[in-house]
Every structure is written in C-alpha cells, then in structure tokens.
Protein backbone atom coordinates (compact mmCIF):
# COMPACT_ATOMS: atom_id res chain seq x y z
CA MET A 1 -0.28 -0.02 0.03
CA ASN A 2 2.72 2.52 0.75
CA THR A 3 4.71 1.62 -2.42
CA MET A 4 1.66 2.52 -4.60
CA SER A 5 0.64 5.79 -2.15
CA ARG A 6 4.46 6.80 -3.03
CA LEU A 7 3.68 6.04 -6.89
CA LEU A 8 0.56 7.81 -6.74
CA VAL A 9 2.17 11.29 -5.22
CA ILE A 10 5.38 10.81 -8.19
CA ALA A 11 2.83 9.99 -10.96
CA CYS A 12 0.79 13.74 -9.44
CA LEU A 13 3.90 15.18 -9.33
CA ALA A 14 5.53 14.37 -12.81
CA LEU A 15 1.62 15.35 -14.26
CA PRO A 16 2.48 18.86 -15.02
CA PHE A 17 5.78 19.00 -16.16
CA ALA A 18 4.92 15.69 -18.95
CA ALA A 19 1.69 18.16 -20.08
CA CYS A 20 3.93 20.87 -20.91
CA LYS A 21 4.53 21.35 -24.22
CA LYS A 22 7.17 23.14 -25.84
CA GLU A 23 6.74 26.37 -27.89
CA GLU A 24 6.49 25.47 -31.05
CA ALA A 25 7.39 27.66 -34.07
CA PRO A 26 4.67 29.15 -35.51
CA LYS A 27 3.46 27.35 -38.88
CA VAL A 28 3.40 29.02 -42.51
CA GLU A 29 1.19 28.64 -44.41
CA ALA A 30 2.89 27.13 -48.25
CA VAL A 31 1.30 30.19 -51.04
CA ALA A 32 0.93 28.41 -54.21
CA ALA A 33 1.92 30.39 -57.25
CA PRO A 34 -0.39 32.23 -59.37
CA LEU A 35 -2.20 30.02 -61.93
CA THR A 36 -1.45 31.20 -65.62
CA ALA A 37 -4.73 31.72 -68.01
CA PRO A 38 -5.00 29.10 -69.77
CA THR A 39 -4.15 29.34 -74.13
CA SER A 40 -6.95 27.71 -75.06
CA ASP A 41 -10.86 27.81 -74.76
CA ASP A 42 -11.49 25.14 -72.47
CA VAL A 43 -14.57 26.81 -69.67
CA SER A 44 -13.10 24.56 -66.96
CA ALA A 45 -9.57 25.13 -66.95
CA TRP A 46 -11.27 29.57 -67.33
CA ARG A 47 -13.06 29.03 -64.59
CA THR A 48 -9.85 28.00 -62.57
CA TYR A 49 -8.29 30.14 -63.66
CA VAL A 50 -10.72 33.03 -62.76
CA THR A 51 -11.72 31.41 -59.28
CA ASP A 52 -7.85 31.75 -58.62
CA VAL A 53 -7.32 35.29 -59.42
CA ALA A 54 -10.52 36.05 -57.50
CA LYS A 55 -9.16 34.54 -54.60
CA ARG A 56 -6.08 36.71 -54.74
CA ASN A 57 -7.97 40.01 -54.66
CA MET A 58 -10.55 38.85 -51.87
CA ASP A 59 -8.59 41.85 -50.05
CA GLY A 60 -11.15 44.28 -48.52
CA VAL A 61 -13.81 42.71 -50.21
CA ASN A 62 -16.61 41.74 -47.36
CA ASN A 63 -19.21 38.85 -49.80
CA SER A 64 -18.71 36.50 -52.05
CA PRO A 65 -17.99 38.22 -55.12
CA TYR A 66 -20.47 38.45 -58.79
CA VAL A 67 -18.21 36.80 -61.19
CA TYR A 68 -19.52 37.47 -65.00
CA PHE A 69 -17.42 35.63 -67.12
CA LEU A 70 -18.18 35.06 -70.65
CA PRO A 71 -16.97 32.27 -72.85
CA SER A 72 -15.04 32.05 -75.97
CA GLU A 73 -16.56 33.57 -79.51
CA GLY A 74 -16.22 30.31 -80.87
CA SER A 75 -18.48 28.13 -78.09
CA GLU A 76 -22.17 26.89 -78.98
CA GLY A 77 -24.69 29.84 -78.59
CA PHE A 78 -22.23 32.14 -77.61
CA GLY A 79 -24.48 35.38 -78.92
CA GLY A 80 -27.29 34.23 -76.61
CA GLN A 81 -24.75 33.80 -73.48
CA TYR A 82 -23.62 37.39 -74.27
CA GLU A 83 -27.13 38.83 -73.85
CA ARG A 84 -27.97 37.18 -70.99
CA LEU A 85 -24.20 38.09 -69.41
CA LEU A 86 -25.25 41.55 -70.25
CA GLU A 87 -28.49 41.15 -69.13
CA LYS A 88 -27.51 40.64 -65.78
CA VAL A 89 -25.03 43.15 -65.33
CA GLU A 90 -27.08 45.76 -66.55
CA GLY A 91 -29.65 44.48 -63.66
CA ASP A 92 -26.91 44.28 -61.24
CA LEU A 93 -25.67 47.15 -61.84
CA SER A 94 -28.98 49.09 -62.15
CA ARG A 95 -30.02 47.87 -58.31
CA GLY A 96 -26.57 49.04 -57.10
CA ILE A 97 -23.64 46.90 -55.31
CA ILE A 98 -22.55 48.62 -52.17
CA GLU A 99 -19.30 49.06 -50.20
CA GLY A 100 -17.10 44.93 -49.32
CA ASN A 101 -18.36 43.96 -52.66
CA MET A 102 -15.87 42.72 -55.93
CA LEU A 103 -16.81 42.42 -59.75
CA VAL A 104 -15.00 39.84 -61.80
CA PHE A 105 -15.25 40.31 -65.91
CA ALA A 106 -13.63 37.31 -67.39
CA SER A 107 -13.20 35.67 -70.56
CA PRO A 108 -10.85 33.85 -73.20
CA ALA A 109 -13.30 36.48 -75.44
CA SER A 110 -11.03 39.72 -74.01
CA THR A 111 -12.51 42.13 -76.01
CA LYS A 112 -16.08 40.75 -75.63
CA ILE A 113 -16.16 40.77 -72.47
CA ALA A 114 -14.68 44.01 -72.41
CA GLU A 115 -17.54 45.62 -74.10
CA LEU A 116 -20.27 43.94 -71.94
CA ALA A 117 -18.85 45.67 -68.61
CA VAL A 118 -17.87 49.25 -70.62
CA THR A 119 -21.91 48.58 -71.83
CA GLY A 120 -22.47 47.75 -67.78
CA PHE A 121 -21.12 50.59 -66.74
CA GLY A 122 -22.62 53.21 -68.76
CA GLN A 123 -25.67 53.36 -66.23
CA VAL A 124 -23.92 53.62 -63.29
CA GLY A 125 -23.90 57.41 -62.50
CA THR A 126 -20.75 58.97 -60.85
CA GLY A 127 -19.14 58.20 -57.55
CA THR A 128 -22.11 55.33 -56.51
CA MET A 129 -19.99 52.38 -56.41
CA LYS A 130 -16.84 53.78 -53.67
CA GLY A 131 -15.61 50.94 -52.08
CA VAL A 132 -16.78 47.98 -54.67
CA LYS A 133 -13.64 46.36 -55.97
CA VAL A 134 -13.70 45.62 -59.61
CA VAL A 135 -11.18 42.93 -61.45
CA PHE A 136 -10.45 42.65 -65.24
CA ILE A 137 -9.22 39.76 -66.50
CA GLY A 138 -8.07 40.17 -70.48
CA LYS A 139 -5.62 41.92 -72.58
CA PRO A 140 -3.85 45.36 -71.83
CA GLU A 141 -6.09 47.41 -73.94
CA ASP A 142 -9.17 45.86 -73.05
CA GLY A 143 -8.77 46.55 -69.64
CA GLU A 144 -7.99 50.35 -70.74
CA LYS A 145 -11.20 51.00 -71.77
CA VAL A 146 -12.98 48.81 -68.88
CA LYS A 147 -11.13 50.98 -65.98
CA ALA A 148 -12.08 54.35 -68.34
CA ALA A 149 -15.79 53.65 -68.19
CA ALA A 150 -15.91 52.05 -64.58
CA GLU A 151 -13.63 54.27 -62.44
CA PRO A 152 -16.00 57.34 -63.11
CA ALA A 153 -18.11 55.17 -60.64
CA GLY A 154 -16.03 55.54 -57.48
CA VAL A 155 -14.56 51.50 -57.95
CA LYS A 156 -11.26 50.42 -56.95
CA TYR A 157 -9.89 49.08 -60.80
CA VAL A 158 -8.01 45.74 -60.55
CA PHE A 159 -6.80 44.89 -63.70
CA VAL A 160 -4.48 41.43 -64.56
CA GLU A 161 -3.64 40.38 -67.52
CA ALA A 162 -4.58 36.94 -68.67
CA LYS A 163 -1.26 35.03 -69.48
C-alpha cells in the first residue's frame, strides 16, 4: 500500500511537467503560385483560373464576388450567352452594388467581356460604387477601356493580364 501511494504521489507531481509542451515554431502556410491563363478555350480551365485570380484579390471584400464569365466566341450559343450575361450585368449594376463587394469580369474573349463591362458601366452614376472592387482579367488594351468606364463610378479598379 505504501508503495502504491508513493507511485500516485510521484505520478501527480510528474504530470504537470509531462503536460508542458515545448514552444512550437509558428506554422507558415505555403502559398501556391498564381495560375496562368489557359491557352485554350476550355471553360473548366478558365473557371479554375478566374477563381484563383478572384481569391488573390479578396482583400477588403466582405462578400462573395460577382463573377461575370463569358466563354470563347467560338462556343455554341455564344450570342445568346453574351446577351443573357449583359442583361444580368445591367440588372446588377442598376440595382446598385454596395461597398465591400467585388465584380470580376473575365473571358477568353477579352474584347467581348470588355465591351460587356463598358456597356454595363455606361448606366452607372458617378461616385455610386465607392468601396467596390472591379477586377478585369484580359488584354491590356481592353483593360484600359474597362478602367475608363468603371472608375467614374468610384470603384477600386484592378487589372489582371490574362497571360
């Protein structure tokens, strides 16, 4: 009995030391390299790329982004898809987008998505979208057109070259 009591006392005294952990080094998350734009018209590859770009630009954004993606001009039913997306963009922008949101415009057809964005921003009042981030993924010359159309609304404009 005496031996058993001694073992219990020793175990109780040793327990606090056994429970102490060594100070761990802070964990460093590995950041994946940015994806490159697909060279094909594969919609799935483009969506993955656009998602990656959107995630990398989420700083200051409080909600899920509005993503406006248009497939390549050679895809089946492109004209109808363009018209439906334009209608959606115009509807969203006419209702108003509040601070803390992000709009992403992307497509393998850079000129067409730029045309769509410019048309959509044509009806937006000056200074009505302060605190909204607009990300355009495409060609530099198209990006400049979208920037000129979007900035009067007061947005924070981000251009990402699809390369």
